[in-house]
Amino acid sequence: MAFPSGVELTHILVVGDLDRSHAFYRDVVGAESVREYGGTSVVLRLAGTWLLLVTGGGPTPDKPGVFFAPPSDPARVSHAMTFRVEDWKVPGTFRSQGQRWP
């Protein structure tokens, strides 16, 4: 079953360094900055989807037992986004700009 037209996908990434993450997705990956919310979150548009970068935080009234936290161990993966590229030289291009390509 397909989603109805007008449905959009948002990826929410909890990050430890909002400014660094924002700069990476905007300046290196090429995402469009749409909006910033007081140093706690940034909304980006990327490849037809929304990317929401957020800092960690405590529970909210509607979800009293839920905490948002960045990964505590970089060796453990709980979310992955992949970028399909036509040119395998792309990761080398990022490295030559001093960026890490995971």
N, C-alpha and C. Protein backbone atom coordinates (compact mmCIF):
# COMPACT_ATOMS: atom_id res chain seq x y z
N MET A 1 0.83 -1.17 0.00
CA MET A 1 0.00 0.00 0.00
C MET A 1 0.88 1.24 0.00
N ALA A 2 0.65 2.16 -0.90
CA ALA A 2 1.43 3.38 -0.99
C ALA A 2 0.85 4.46 -0.07
N PHE A 3 1.72 5.33 0.39
CA PHE A 3 1.26 6.48 1.17
C PHE A 3 0.47 7.40 0.27
N PRO A 4 -0.49 8.12 0.81
CA PRO A 4 -1.23 9.09 0.00
C PRO A 4 -0.31 10.23 -0.43
N SER A 5 -0.64 10.89 -1.51
CA SER A 5 0.19 12.00 -1.96
C SER A 5 0.20 13.07 -0.88
N GLY A 6 1.30 13.80 -0.81
CA GLY A 6 1.44 14.84 0.18
C GLY A 6 2.14 14.39 1.45
N VAL A 7 2.36 13.09 1.61
CA VAL A 7 3.06 12.59 2.79
C VAL A 7 4.55 12.85 2.59
N GLU A 8 5.20 13.35 3.64
CA GLU A 8 6.63 13.62 3.58
C GLU A 8 7.33 12.91 4.71
N LEU A 9 8.60 12.61 4.53
CA LEU A 9 9.40 11.88 5.50
C LEU A 9 10.31 12.86 6.23
N THR A 10 10.37 12.74 7.56
CA THR A 10 11.30 13.53 8.37
C THR A 10 12.19 12.58 9.14
N HIS A 11 13.51 12.79 9.03
CA HIS A 11 14.48 12.06 9.85
C HIS A 11 14.81 12.96 11.03
N ILE A 12 14.74 12.43 12.24
CA ILE A 12 15.11 13.19 13.43
C ILE A 12 16.42 12.59 13.95
N LEU A 13 17.44 13.42 14.01
CA LEU A 13 18.73 12.99 14.53
C LEU A 13 19.03 13.77 15.81
N VAL A 14 19.26 13.07 16.90
CA VAL A 14 19.67 13.71 18.14
C VAL A 14 21.19 13.82 18.10
N VAL A 15 21.69 15.05 18.21
CA VAL A 15 23.12 15.30 18.03
C VAL A 15 23.73 15.90 19.28
N GLY A 16 25.03 15.67 19.46
CA GLY A 16 25.74 16.21 20.60
C GLY A 16 26.25 17.62 20.36
N ASP A 17 26.47 17.98 19.10
CA ASP A 17 26.98 19.31 18.76
C ASP A 17 26.14 19.84 17.61
N LEU A 18 25.14 20.65 17.95
CA LEU A 18 24.19 21.13 16.95
C LEU A 18 24.86 21.99 15.88
N ASP A 19 25.73 22.90 16.27
CA ASP A 19 26.38 23.77 15.30
C ASP A 19 27.24 22.98 14.31
N ARG A 20 28.00 22.03 14.84
CA ARG A 20 28.88 21.22 13.96
C ARG A 20 28.04 20.35 13.01
N SER A 21 26.99 19.75 13.53
CA SER A 21 26.12 18.91 12.70
C SER A 21 25.42 19.74 11.64
N HIS A 22 24.93 20.91 12.03
CA HIS A 22 24.27 21.80 11.07
C HIS A 22 25.23 22.19 9.96
N ALA A 23 26.45 22.59 10.34
CA ALA A 23 27.44 22.97 9.34
C ALA A 23 27.75 21.82 8.39
N PHE A 24 27.86 20.60 8.91
CA PHE A 24 28.17 19.44 8.06
C PHE A 24 27.06 19.21 7.03
N TYR A 25 25.82 19.12 7.49
CA TYR A 25 24.73 18.82 6.55
C TYR A 25 24.48 19.97 5.58
N ARG A 26 24.67 21.21 6.02
CA ARG A 26 24.46 22.36 5.15
C ARG A 26 25.63 22.57 4.19
N ASP A 27 26.85 22.64 4.73
CA ASP A 27 28.01 23.04 3.94
C ASP A 27 28.67 21.91 3.16
N VAL A 28 28.62 20.71 3.70
CA VAL A 28 29.28 19.58 3.05
C VAL A 28 28.30 18.75 2.23
N VAL A 29 27.18 18.39 2.84
CA VAL A 29 26.21 17.55 2.16
C VAL A 29 25.33 18.36 1.21
N GLY A 30 25.11 19.62 1.52
CA GLY A 30 24.32 20.48 0.63
C GLY A 30 22.87 20.63 1.01
N ALA A 31 22.51 20.33 2.25
CA ALA A 31 21.13 20.49 2.69
C ALA A 31 20.78 21.98 2.77
N GLU A 32 19.52 22.27 2.58
CA GLU A 32 19.03 23.64 2.68
C GLU A 32 18.54 23.90 4.09
N SER A 33 19.08 24.93 4.74
CA SER A 33 18.60 25.31 6.07
C SER A 33 17.24 25.98 5.92
N VAL A 34 16.25 25.49 6.65
CA VAL A 34 14.90 26.02 6.57
C VAL A 34 14.58 26.88 7.79
N ARG A 35 14.97 26.39 8.98
CA ARG A 35 14.62 27.12 10.20
C ARG A 35 15.49 26.65 11.36
N GLU A 36 15.75 27.56 12.29
CA GLU A 36 16.46 27.23 13.52
C GLU A 36 15.58 27.60 14.71
N TYR A 37 15.67 26.81 15.76
CA TYR A 37 14.85 27.03 16.94
C TYR A 37 15.74 27.21 18.17
N GLY A 38 16.14 28.43 18.42
CA GLY A 38 16.80 28.79 19.68
C GLY A 38 17.95 27.94 20.15
N GLY A 39 18.76 27.42 19.25
CA GLY A 39 19.91 26.63 19.65
C GLY A 39 19.61 25.21 20.08
N THR A 40 18.35 24.79 19.90
CA THR A 40 18.01 23.42 20.30
C THR A 40 17.66 22.53 19.13
N SER A 41 17.33 23.12 17.97
CA SER A 41 17.02 22.30 16.80
C SER A 41 17.16 23.11 15.52
N VAL A 42 17.39 22.38 14.44
CA VAL A 42 17.54 22.96 13.11
C VAL A 42 16.75 22.09 12.14
N VAL A 43 15.98 22.72 11.27
CA VAL A 43 15.22 22.01 10.24
C VAL A 43 15.94 22.21 8.91
N LEU A 44 16.22 21.10 8.23
CA LEU A 44 16.89 21.12 6.93
C LEU A 44 16.05 20.38 5.91
N ARG A 45 16.23 20.73 4.66
CA ARG A 45 15.59 20.02 3.54
C ARG A 45 16.71 19.36 2.76
N LEU A 46 16.58 18.07 2.51
CA LEU A 46 17.64 17.31 1.86
C LEU A 46 17.05 16.18 1.03
N ALA A 47 17.33 16.18 -0.24
CA ALA A 47 16.94 15.08 -1.14
C ALA A 47 15.46 14.73 -1.03
N GLY A 48 14.62 15.75 -0.98
CA GLY A 48 13.18 15.51 -0.94
C GLY A 48 12.63 15.10 0.41
N THR A 49 13.46 15.13 1.44
CA THR A 49 13.00 14.80 2.78
C THR A 49 13.37 15.92 3.74
N TRP A 50 12.83 15.86 4.93
CA TRP A 50 13.16 16.80 5.99
C TRP A 50 14.15 16.14 6.92
N LEU A 51 15.12 16.91 7.39
CA LEU A 51 16.08 16.43 8.37
C LEU A 51 16.01 17.38 9.56
N LEU A 52 15.65 16.86 10.71
CA LEU A 52 15.54 17.65 11.91
C LEU A 52 16.68 17.26 12.85
N LEU A 53 17.58 18.20 13.10
CA LEU A 53 18.67 17.98 14.04
C LEU A 53 18.24 18.56 15.37
N VAL A 54 18.30 17.77 16.42
CA VAL A 54 17.86 18.23 17.73
C VAL A 54 18.91 17.90 18.79
N THR A 55 18.93 18.71 19.83
CA THR A 55 19.77 18.41 20.98
C THR A 55 18.97 17.51 21.92
N GLY A 56 19.65 16.88 22.83
CA GLY A 56 18.96 16.00 23.77
C GLY A 56 18.05 16.79 24.70
N GLY A 57 17.12 16.08 25.30
CA GLY A 57 16.22 16.74 26.23
C GLY A 57 15.37 15.76 26.99
N GLY A 58 14.80 16.27 28.05
CA GLY A 58 13.97 15.46 28.91
C GLY A 58 12.60 15.19 28.34
N PRO A 59 11.79 14.52 29.11
CA PRO A 59 10.46 14.16 28.64
C PRO A 59 9.56 15.38 28.47
N THR A 60 8.53 15.20 27.68
CA THR A 60 7.51 16.23 27.46
C THR A 60 6.20 15.72 28.06
N PRO A 61 5.25 16.61 28.29
CA PRO A 61 3.99 16.17 28.91
C PRO A 61 3.29 15.04 28.14
N ASP A 62 3.42 15.05 26.80
CA ASP A 62 2.74 14.01 26.03
C ASP A 62 3.50 12.69 26.00
N LYS A 63 4.80 12.72 26.37
CA LYS A 63 5.62 11.50 26.42
C LYS A 63 6.49 11.54 27.67
N PRO A 64 5.89 11.36 28.84
CA PRO A 64 6.62 11.56 30.10
C PRO A 64 7.77 10.60 30.36
N GLY A 65 7.86 9.51 29.67
CA GLY A 65 8.95 8.57 29.90
C GLY A 65 10.00 8.56 28.80
N VAL A 66 9.93 9.50 27.86
CA VAL A 66 10.82 9.49 26.70
C VAL A 66 11.86 10.60 26.82
N PHE A 67 13.14 10.23 26.68
CA PHE A 67 14.25 11.17 26.68
C PHE A 67 14.94 11.11 25.33
N PHE A 68 15.32 12.25 24.79
CA PHE A 68 16.12 12.30 23.57
C PHE A 68 17.57 12.50 23.99
N ALA A 69 18.47 11.66 23.48
CA ALA A 69 19.87 11.78 23.84
C ALA A 69 20.73 11.40 22.63
N PRO A 70 21.84 12.10 22.45
CA PRO A 70 22.75 11.69 21.37
C PRO A 70 23.37 10.35 21.71
N PRO A 71 23.89 9.65 20.71
CA PRO A 71 24.51 8.35 20.99
C PRO A 71 25.62 8.49 22.03
N SER A 72 25.63 7.61 23.00
CA SER A 72 26.67 7.66 24.03
C SER A 72 27.92 6.90 23.62
N ASP A 73 27.78 6.02 22.65
CA ASP A 73 28.91 5.20 22.19
C ASP A 73 28.92 5.22 20.66
N PRO A 74 29.92 5.89 20.05
CA PRO A 74 29.95 5.97 18.59
C PRO A 74 30.13 4.62 17.89
N ALA A 75 30.43 3.58 18.63
CA ALA A 75 30.59 2.25 18.05
C ALA A 75 29.26 1.50 17.98
N ARG A 76 28.19 2.08 18.55
CA ARG A 76 26.86 1.44 18.52
C ARG A 76 25.95 2.25 17.62
N VAL A 77 25.26 1.58 16.73
CA VAL A 77 24.39 2.26 15.77
C VAL A 77 22.93 2.01 16.12
N SER A 78 22.16 3.10 16.16
CA SER A 78 20.72 2.95 16.38
C SER A 78 19.93 3.55 15.22
N HIS A 79 20.60 4.25 14.33
CA HIS A 79 19.94 4.85 13.17
C HIS A 79 21.00 5.00 12.09
N ALA A 80 20.60 4.78 10.86
CA ALA A 80 21.53 4.97 9.74
C ALA A 80 20.79 5.62 8.59
N MET A 81 21.45 6.55 7.94
CA MET A 81 20.95 7.14 6.71
C MET A 81 22.00 6.86 5.66
N THR A 82 21.59 6.41 4.52
CA THR A 82 22.56 6.16 3.46
C THR A 82 22.33 7.14 2.33
N PHE A 83 23.41 7.50 1.67
CA PHE A 83 23.35 8.37 0.51
C PHE A 83 23.78 7.56 -0.70
N ARG A 84 22.92 7.41 -1.66
CA ARG A 84 23.27 6.71 -2.89
C ARG A 84 23.86 7.75 -3.84
N VAL A 85 25.08 7.49 -4.29
CA VAL A 85 25.76 8.42 -5.19
C VAL A 85 26.17 7.70 -6.46
N GLU A 86 26.19 8.42 -7.55
CA GLU A 86 26.60 7.83 -8.83
C GLU A 86 28.11 7.76 -8.95
N ASP A 87 28.81 8.69 -8.31
CA ASP A 87 30.25 8.81 -8.45
C ASP A 87 30.93 8.40 -7.15
N TRP A 88 31.62 7.26 -7.16
CA TRP A 88 32.26 6.77 -5.94
C TRP A 88 33.41 7.65 -5.49
N LYS A 89 33.75 8.69 -6.23
CA LYS A 89 34.80 9.60 -5.81
C LYS A 89 34.28 10.57 -4.75
N VAL A 90 32.98 10.60 -4.53
CA VAL A 90 32.39 11.55 -3.58
C VAL A 90 33.02 11.45 -2.19
N PRO A 91 33.15 10.25 -1.57
CA PRO A 91 33.77 10.21 -0.25
C PRO A 91 35.18 10.79 -0.24
N GLY A 92 35.95 10.55 -1.29
CA GLY A 92 37.29 11.14 -1.38
C GLY A 92 37.25 12.64 -1.46
N THR A 93 36.23 13.17 -2.12
CA THR A 93 36.06 14.62 -2.21
C THR A 93 35.82 15.19 -0.82
N PHE A 94 34.99 14.55 -0.02
CA PHE A 94 34.75 15.02 1.34
C PHE A 94 36.04 14.98 2.16
N ARG A 95 36.79 13.88 2.05
CA ARG A 95 38.04 13.77 2.81
C ARG A 95 39.02 14.85 2.40
N SER A 96 39.09 15.17 1.11
CA SER A 96 40.02 16.20 0.66
C SER A 96 39.63 17.57 1.19
N GLN A 97 38.38 17.75 1.59
CA GLN A 97 37.93 19.00 2.19
C GLN A 97 38.08 18.97 3.71
N GLY A 98 38.70 17.90 4.23
CA GLY A 98 38.92 17.80 5.67
C GLY A 98 37.70 17.26 6.41
N GLN A 99 36.73 16.71 5.70
CA GLN A 99 35.52 16.17 6.34
C GLN A 99 35.66 14.67 6.51
N ARG A 100 34.98 14.14 7.53
CA ARG A 100 34.95 12.69 7.72
C ARG A 100 33.74 12.14 7.01
N TRP A 101 33.93 11.11 6.25
CA TRP A 101 32.82 10.39 5.62
C TRP A 101 32.69 9.09 6.38
N PRO A 102 31.57 8.92 7.12
CA PRO A 102 31.46 7.73 7.98
C PRO A 102 31.61 6.43 7.21
